[in-house]
Amino acid sequence: VQLVESGGGLVHAGGSLRLSCAASGFTFNNYAVRWHRQGPGKERELVATISASGTYIYYADFVKGRFTISRDNAKNTVYLQMSSLKPEDTAVYYCNAKGEPDYWGQGTQVTVSL
């Protein structure tokens, strides 16, 4: 069972990144998926959620209008398109397949510089 995030990196403020979360070893299509993040010295916080079918989507207020979550169940992958990035978006981003049991990825670092 694996969730593997990718796509992080260093970007200037105002730039964009697309994170991917690739799943294997379980029935991914049955799981809602969440993106969380944990910034330096901060607690982990929920960024966005997408339901198993993709019909329900939730965004935290601090990313609304800037981030877009989507999924391709044929590829067992969830994406997080991040635009208009700010330095305060700097964090390790984790994907989480929410269910019984929960699955977590190892995280991918996003650093936004001024």
N, C-alpha and C. Protein backbone atom coordinates (compact mmCIF):
# COMPACT_ATOMS: atom_id res chain seq x y z
N VAL A 1 0.85 -1.19 0.00
CA VAL A 1 0.00 0.00 0.00
C VAL A 1 0.89 1.24 0.00
N GLN A 2 0.62 2.13 -0.92
CA GLN A 2 1.43 3.33 -1.00
C GLN A 2 0.63 4.53 -1.45
N LEU A 3 0.96 5.67 -0.86
CA LEU A 3 0.57 6.97 -1.38
C LEU A 3 1.86 7.73 -1.57
N VAL A 4 2.10 8.20 -2.76
CA VAL A 4 3.36 8.89 -3.04
C VAL A 4 3.06 10.26 -3.61
N GLU A 5 3.49 11.29 -2.87
CA GLU A 5 3.33 12.66 -3.35
C GLU A 5 4.54 13.06 -4.19
N SER A 6 4.30 13.93 -5.13
CA SER A 6 5.37 14.49 -5.95
C SER A 6 4.94 15.86 -6.45
N GLY A 7 5.92 16.59 -6.98
CA GLY A 7 5.62 17.88 -7.59
C GLY A 7 5.99 19.07 -6.75
N GLY A 8 6.47 18.84 -5.54
CA GLY A 8 6.90 19.97 -4.73
C GLY A 8 8.17 20.58 -5.25
N GLY A 9 8.55 21.69 -4.65
CA GLY A 9 9.77 22.35 -5.06
C GLY A 9 9.82 23.77 -4.57
N LEU A 10 10.75 24.53 -5.13
CA LEU A 10 10.95 25.94 -4.78
C LEU A 10 10.36 26.80 -5.89
N VAL A 11 9.55 27.77 -5.49
CA VAL A 11 8.91 28.65 -6.47
C VAL A 11 8.84 30.06 -5.89
N HIS A 12 8.86 31.06 -6.75
CA HIS A 12 8.72 32.43 -6.30
C HIS A 12 7.26 32.75 -6.00
N ALA A 13 7.06 33.70 -5.13
CA ALA A 13 5.70 34.15 -4.83
C ALA A 13 4.98 34.54 -6.12
N GLY A 14 3.73 34.11 -6.21
CA GLY A 14 2.95 34.35 -7.41
C GLY A 14 3.01 33.21 -8.41
N GLY A 15 3.91 32.29 -8.19
CA GLY A 15 4.08 31.17 -9.09
C GLY A 15 3.09 30.04 -8.83
N SER A 16 3.29 28.95 -9.58
CA SER A 16 2.38 27.81 -9.52
C SER A 16 3.16 26.50 -9.40
N LEU A 17 2.50 25.55 -8.80
CA LEU A 17 3.00 24.17 -8.75
C LEU A 17 1.80 23.24 -8.83
N ARG A 18 2.03 22.04 -9.34
CA ARG A 18 1.00 21.01 -9.30
C ARG A 18 1.54 19.81 -8.54
N LEU A 19 0.88 19.49 -7.45
CA LEU A 19 1.24 18.30 -6.68
C LEU A 19 0.42 17.11 -7.16
N SER A 20 1.04 15.95 -7.10
CA SER A 20 0.35 14.70 -7.43
C SER A 20 0.44 13.76 -6.25
N CYS A 21 -0.59 12.95 -6.11
CA CYS A 21 -0.63 11.91 -5.08
C CYS A 21 -1.04 10.62 -5.77
N ALA A 22 -0.09 9.72 -5.93
CA ALA A 22 -0.33 8.48 -6.65
C ALA A 22 -0.53 7.34 -5.65
N ALA A 23 -1.60 6.59 -5.85
CA ALA A 23 -1.94 5.52 -4.92
C ALA A 23 -1.74 4.15 -5.56
N SER A 24 -1.39 3.18 -4.73
CA SER A 24 -1.29 1.80 -5.19
C SER A 24 -1.53 0.87 -4.02
N GLY A 25 -2.02 -0.32 -4.34
CA GLY A 25 -2.17 -1.35 -3.32
C GLY A 25 -3.48 -1.37 -2.58
N PHE A 26 -4.40 -0.46 -2.91
CA PHE A 26 -5.71 -0.49 -2.29
C PHE A 26 -6.72 0.10 -3.27
N THR A 27 -8.00 -0.02 -2.93
CA THR A 27 -9.06 0.42 -3.83
C THR A 27 -9.24 1.92 -3.71
N PHE A 28 -8.40 2.61 -4.40
CA PHE A 28 -8.32 4.07 -4.32
C PHE A 28 -9.65 4.73 -4.63
N ASN A 29 -10.37 4.18 -5.58
CA ASN A 29 -11.62 4.80 -6.03
C ASN A 29 -12.68 4.85 -4.93
N ASN A 30 -12.49 4.11 -3.85
CA ASN A 30 -13.46 4.10 -2.75
C ASN A 30 -13.17 5.15 -1.67
N TYR A 31 -12.07 5.87 -1.85
CA TYR A 31 -11.60 6.75 -0.79
C TYR A 31 -11.73 8.23 -1.16
N ALA A 32 -12.25 9.03 -0.22
CA ALA A 32 -12.04 10.47 -0.31
C ALA A 32 -10.57 10.73 -0.04
N VAL A 33 -10.06 11.79 -0.61
CA VAL A 33 -8.65 12.15 -0.43
C VAL A 33 -8.54 13.58 0.05
N ARG A 34 -7.67 13.76 0.99
CA ARG A 34 -7.42 15.09 1.54
C ARG A 34 -5.96 15.48 1.32
N TRP A 35 -5.74 16.74 1.08
CA TRP A 35 -4.40 17.33 1.14
C TRP A 35 -4.32 18.11 2.45
N HIS A 36 -3.26 17.85 3.17
CA HIS A 36 -2.94 18.58 4.40
C HIS A 36 -1.59 19.25 4.20
N ARG A 37 -1.27 20.18 5.08
CA ARG A 37 0.08 20.74 5.05
C ARG A 37 0.52 21.08 6.46
N GLN A 38 1.82 21.10 6.61
CA GLN A 38 2.40 21.50 7.90
C GLN A 38 3.57 22.42 7.62
N GLY A 39 3.38 23.67 7.99
CA GLY A 39 4.42 24.66 7.83
C GLY A 39 5.40 24.62 8.98
N PRO A 40 6.56 25.27 8.84
CA PRO A 40 7.57 25.26 9.89
C PRO A 40 7.01 25.86 11.19
N GLY A 41 7.10 25.09 12.26
CA GLY A 41 6.61 25.55 13.55
C GLY A 41 5.11 25.61 13.69
N LYS A 42 4.41 25.02 12.74
CA LYS A 42 2.94 25.07 12.76
C LYS A 42 2.36 23.67 12.88
N GLU A 43 1.08 23.63 13.26
CA GLU A 43 0.38 22.36 13.27
C GLU A 43 -0.09 21.99 11.87
N ARG A 44 -0.32 20.70 11.67
CA ARG A 44 -0.84 20.25 10.39
C ARG A 44 -2.25 20.79 10.19
N GLU A 45 -2.53 21.24 8.97
CA GLU A 45 -3.86 21.78 8.68
C GLU A 45 -4.41 21.21 7.39
N LEU A 46 -5.72 21.11 7.34
CA LEU A 46 -6.39 20.61 6.15
C LEU A 46 -6.43 21.69 5.08
N VAL A 47 -6.06 21.31 3.87
CA VAL A 47 -6.04 22.24 2.75
C VAL A 47 -7.25 22.04 1.84
N ALA A 48 -7.50 20.81 1.43
CA ALA A 48 -8.59 20.54 0.50
C ALA A 48 -8.98 19.07 0.60
N THR A 49 -10.23 18.80 0.21
CA THR A 49 -10.76 17.44 0.21
C THR A 49 -11.51 17.20 -1.09
N ILE A 50 -11.42 15.99 -1.60
CA ILE A 50 -12.24 15.58 -2.74
C ILE A 50 -12.84 14.22 -2.42
N SER A 51 -14.12 14.08 -2.71
CA SER A 51 -14.80 12.82 -2.44
C SER A 51 -14.33 11.73 -3.41
N ALA A 52 -14.76 10.50 -3.11
CA ALA A 52 -14.32 9.36 -3.92
C ALA A 52 -14.71 9.53 -5.39
N SER A 53 -15.90 10.05 -5.61
CA SER A 53 -16.37 10.23 -6.99
C SER A 53 -15.91 11.54 -7.60
N GLY A 54 -15.43 12.44 -6.75
CA GLY A 54 -15.00 13.75 -7.23
C GLY A 54 -16.09 14.79 -7.24
N THR A 55 -17.28 14.41 -6.79
CA THR A 55 -18.40 15.34 -6.88
C THR A 55 -18.44 16.34 -5.72
N TYR A 56 -17.86 15.98 -4.59
CA TYR A 56 -17.80 16.89 -3.45
C TYR A 56 -16.38 17.38 -3.26
N ILE A 57 -16.23 18.69 -3.15
CA ILE A 57 -14.91 19.29 -2.96
C ILE A 57 -15.01 20.35 -1.87
N TYR A 58 -13.99 20.39 -1.04
CA TYR A 58 -13.90 21.38 0.03
C TYR A 58 -12.52 22.03 -0.03
N TYR A 59 -12.51 23.34 0.22
CA TYR A 59 -11.24 24.08 0.33
C TYR A 59 -11.22 24.85 1.65
N ALA A 60 -10.07 24.87 2.27
CA ALA A 60 -9.88 25.78 3.39
C ALA A 60 -9.93 27.22 2.87
N ASP A 61 -10.38 28.12 3.71
CA ASP A 61 -10.54 29.51 3.27
C ASP A 61 -9.24 30.11 2.75
N PHE A 62 -8.13 29.71 3.33
CA PHE A 62 -6.86 30.35 2.97
C PHE A 62 -6.35 29.92 1.60
N VAL A 63 -7.00 28.95 0.94
CA VAL A 63 -6.58 28.55 -0.41
C VAL A 63 -7.69 28.73 -1.45
N LYS A 64 -8.87 29.10 -1.02
CA LYS A 64 -9.98 29.25 -1.97
C LYS A 64 -9.62 30.25 -3.06
N GLY A 65 -9.91 29.86 -4.28
CA GLY A 65 -9.64 30.72 -5.42
C GLY A 65 -8.21 30.61 -5.94
N ARG A 66 -7.34 29.91 -5.20
CA ARG A 66 -5.94 29.77 -5.62
C ARG A 66 -5.57 28.32 -5.91
N PHE A 67 -6.14 27.40 -5.16
CA PHE A 67 -5.82 25.98 -5.30
C PHE A 67 -7.01 25.23 -5.89
N THR A 68 -6.70 24.19 -6.65
CA THR A 68 -7.75 23.33 -7.23
C THR A 68 -7.37 21.88 -7.01
N ILE A 69 -8.28 21.13 -6.40
CA ILE A 69 -8.06 19.70 -6.19
C ILE A 69 -8.86 18.95 -7.25
N SER A 70 -8.27 17.87 -7.75
CA SER A 70 -8.95 17.05 -8.74
C SER A 70 -8.42 15.62 -8.62
N ARG A 71 -9.10 14.71 -9.28
CA ARG A 71 -8.64 13.32 -9.25
C ARG A 71 -8.91 12.65 -10.58
N ASP A 72 -8.06 11.67 -10.87
CA ASP A 72 -8.22 10.82 -12.04
C ASP A 72 -8.22 9.39 -11.52
N ASN A 73 -9.39 8.83 -11.32
CA ASN A 73 -9.49 7.49 -10.73
C ASN A 73 -8.92 6.42 -11.65
N ALA A 74 -8.90 6.68 -12.93
CA ALA A 74 -8.31 5.71 -13.86
C ALA A 74 -6.80 5.61 -13.64
N LYS A 75 -6.22 6.70 -13.13
CA LYS A 75 -4.77 6.72 -12.87
C LYS A 75 -4.45 6.60 -11.38
N ASN A 76 -5.49 6.43 -10.56
CA ASN A 76 -5.29 6.34 -9.10
C ASN A 76 -4.48 7.54 -8.58
N THR A 77 -4.82 8.70 -9.04
CA THR A 77 -4.04 9.89 -8.71
C THR A 77 -4.96 11.05 -8.37
N VAL A 78 -4.55 11.80 -7.35
CA VAL A 78 -5.19 13.06 -6.99
C VAL A 78 -4.18 14.17 -7.19
N TYR A 79 -4.67 15.31 -7.64
CA TYR A 79 -3.81 16.45 -7.93
C TYR A 79 -4.19 17.64 -7.05
N LEU A 80 -3.23 18.49 -6.83
CA LEU A 80 -3.48 19.78 -6.19
C LEU A 80 -2.76 20.83 -7.02
N GLN A 81 -3.53 21.56 -7.80
CA GLN A 81 -2.98 22.66 -8.59
C GLN A 81 -2.94 23.90 -7.71
N MET A 82 -1.77 24.45 -7.53
CA MET A 82 -1.58 25.59 -6.64
C MET A 82 -1.11 26.77 -7.47
N SER A 83 -1.84 27.86 -7.38
CA SER A 83 -1.50 29.07 -8.12
C SER A 83 -1.44 30.25 -7.16
N SER A 84 -0.88 31.34 -7.64
CA SER A 84 -0.75 32.55 -6.82
C SER A 84 -0.16 32.22 -5.46
N LEU A 85 0.90 31.46 -5.48
CA LEU A 85 1.49 30.99 -4.23
C LEU A 85 2.07 32.14 -3.43
N LYS A 86 1.98 32.00 -2.11
CA LYS A 86 2.46 33.00 -1.17
C LYS A 86 3.52 32.36 -0.28
N PRO A 87 4.38 33.16 0.31
CA PRO A 87 5.38 32.58 1.22
C PRO A 87 4.75 31.77 2.35
N GLU A 88 3.58 32.19 2.79
CA GLU A 88 2.92 31.45 3.88
C GLU A 88 2.37 30.09 3.44
N ASP A 89 2.43 29.79 2.15
CA ASP A 89 2.07 28.45 1.67
C ASP A 89 3.23 27.46 1.83
N THR A 90 4.38 27.96 2.24
CA THR A 90 5.53 27.09 2.46
C THR A 90 5.20 26.05 3.52
N ALA A 91 5.37 24.77 3.16
CA ALA A 91 4.98 23.68 4.05
C ALA A 91 5.35 22.36 3.41
N VAL A 92 5.28 21.32 4.20
CA VAL A 92 5.27 19.97 3.66
C VAL A 92 3.81 19.60 3.42
N TYR A 93 3.52 19.17 2.21
CA TYR A 93 2.16 18.83 1.82
C TYR A 93 2.01 17.31 1.80
N TYR A 94 0.95 16.85 2.46
CA TYR A 94 0.69 15.43 2.58
C TYR A 94 -0.66 15.09 1.97
N CYS A 95 -0.73 13.95 1.31
CA CYS A 95 -2.05 13.47 0.91
C CYS A 95 -2.47 12.34 1.84
N ASN A 96 -3.75 12.21 1.99
CA ASN A 96 -4.35 11.29 2.95
C ASN A 96 -5.58 10.68 2.30
N ALA A 97 -5.59 9.37 2.16
CA ALA A 97 -6.78 8.66 1.70
C ALA A 97 -7.59 8.33 2.94
N LYS A 98 -8.75 8.98 3.04
CA LYS A 98 -9.52 8.94 4.27
C LYS A 98 -10.46 7.76 4.25
N GLY A 99 -10.25 6.80 5.16
CA GLY A 99 -11.14 5.65 5.22
C GLY A 99 -10.72 4.72 6.32
N GLU A 100 -11.11 3.47 6.21
CA GLU A 100 -10.73 2.46 7.19
C GLU A 100 -9.89 1.39 6.50
N PRO A 101 -8.59 1.40 6.65
CA PRO A 101 -7.83 2.38 7.42
C PRO A 101 -7.52 3.65 6.62
N ASP A 102 -6.95 4.63 7.32
CA ASP A 102 -6.41 5.82 6.65
C ASP A 102 -5.06 5.48 6.05
N TYR A 103 -4.75 6.12 4.94
CA TYR A 103 -3.43 6.01 4.35
C TYR A 103 -2.84 7.41 4.20
N TRP A 104 -1.55 7.50 4.45
CA TRP A 104 -0.84 8.78 4.34
C TRP A 104 0.39 8.62 3.46
N GLY A 105 0.70 9.68 2.74
CA GLY A 105 1.94 9.72 2.01
C GLY A 105 3.05 10.28 2.89
N GLN A 106 4.25 10.34 2.31
CA GLN A 106 5.43 10.78 3.08
C GLN A 106 5.60 12.29 3.04
N GLY A 107 4.86 12.96 2.16
CA GLY A 107 4.93 14.40 2.08
C GLY A 107 5.87 14.89 1.00
N THR A 108 5.59 16.09 0.51
CA THR A 108 6.46 16.75 -0.46
C THR A 108 6.61 18.21 -0.05
N GLN A 109 7.83 18.70 -0.10
CA GLN A 109 8.13 20.05 0.38
C GLN A 109 7.78 21.09 -0.68
N VAL A 110 7.07 22.10 -0.27
CA VAL A 110 6.80 23.26 -1.11
C VAL A 110 7.39 24.48 -0.40
N THR A 111 8.24 25.19 -1.10
CA THR A 111 8.86 26.39 -0.56
C THR A 111 8.58 27.55 -1.49
N VAL A 112 8.00 28.60 -0.95
CA VAL A 112 7.65 29.78 -1.74
C VAL A 112 8.50 30.94 -1.24
N SER A 113 9.32 31.48 -2.13
CA SER A 113 10.21 32.57 -1.76
C SER A 113 9.63 33.91 -2.22
N LEU A 114 10.11 34.97 -1.59
CA LEU A 114 9.67 36.31 -1.98
C LEU A 114 10.26 36.71 -3.32
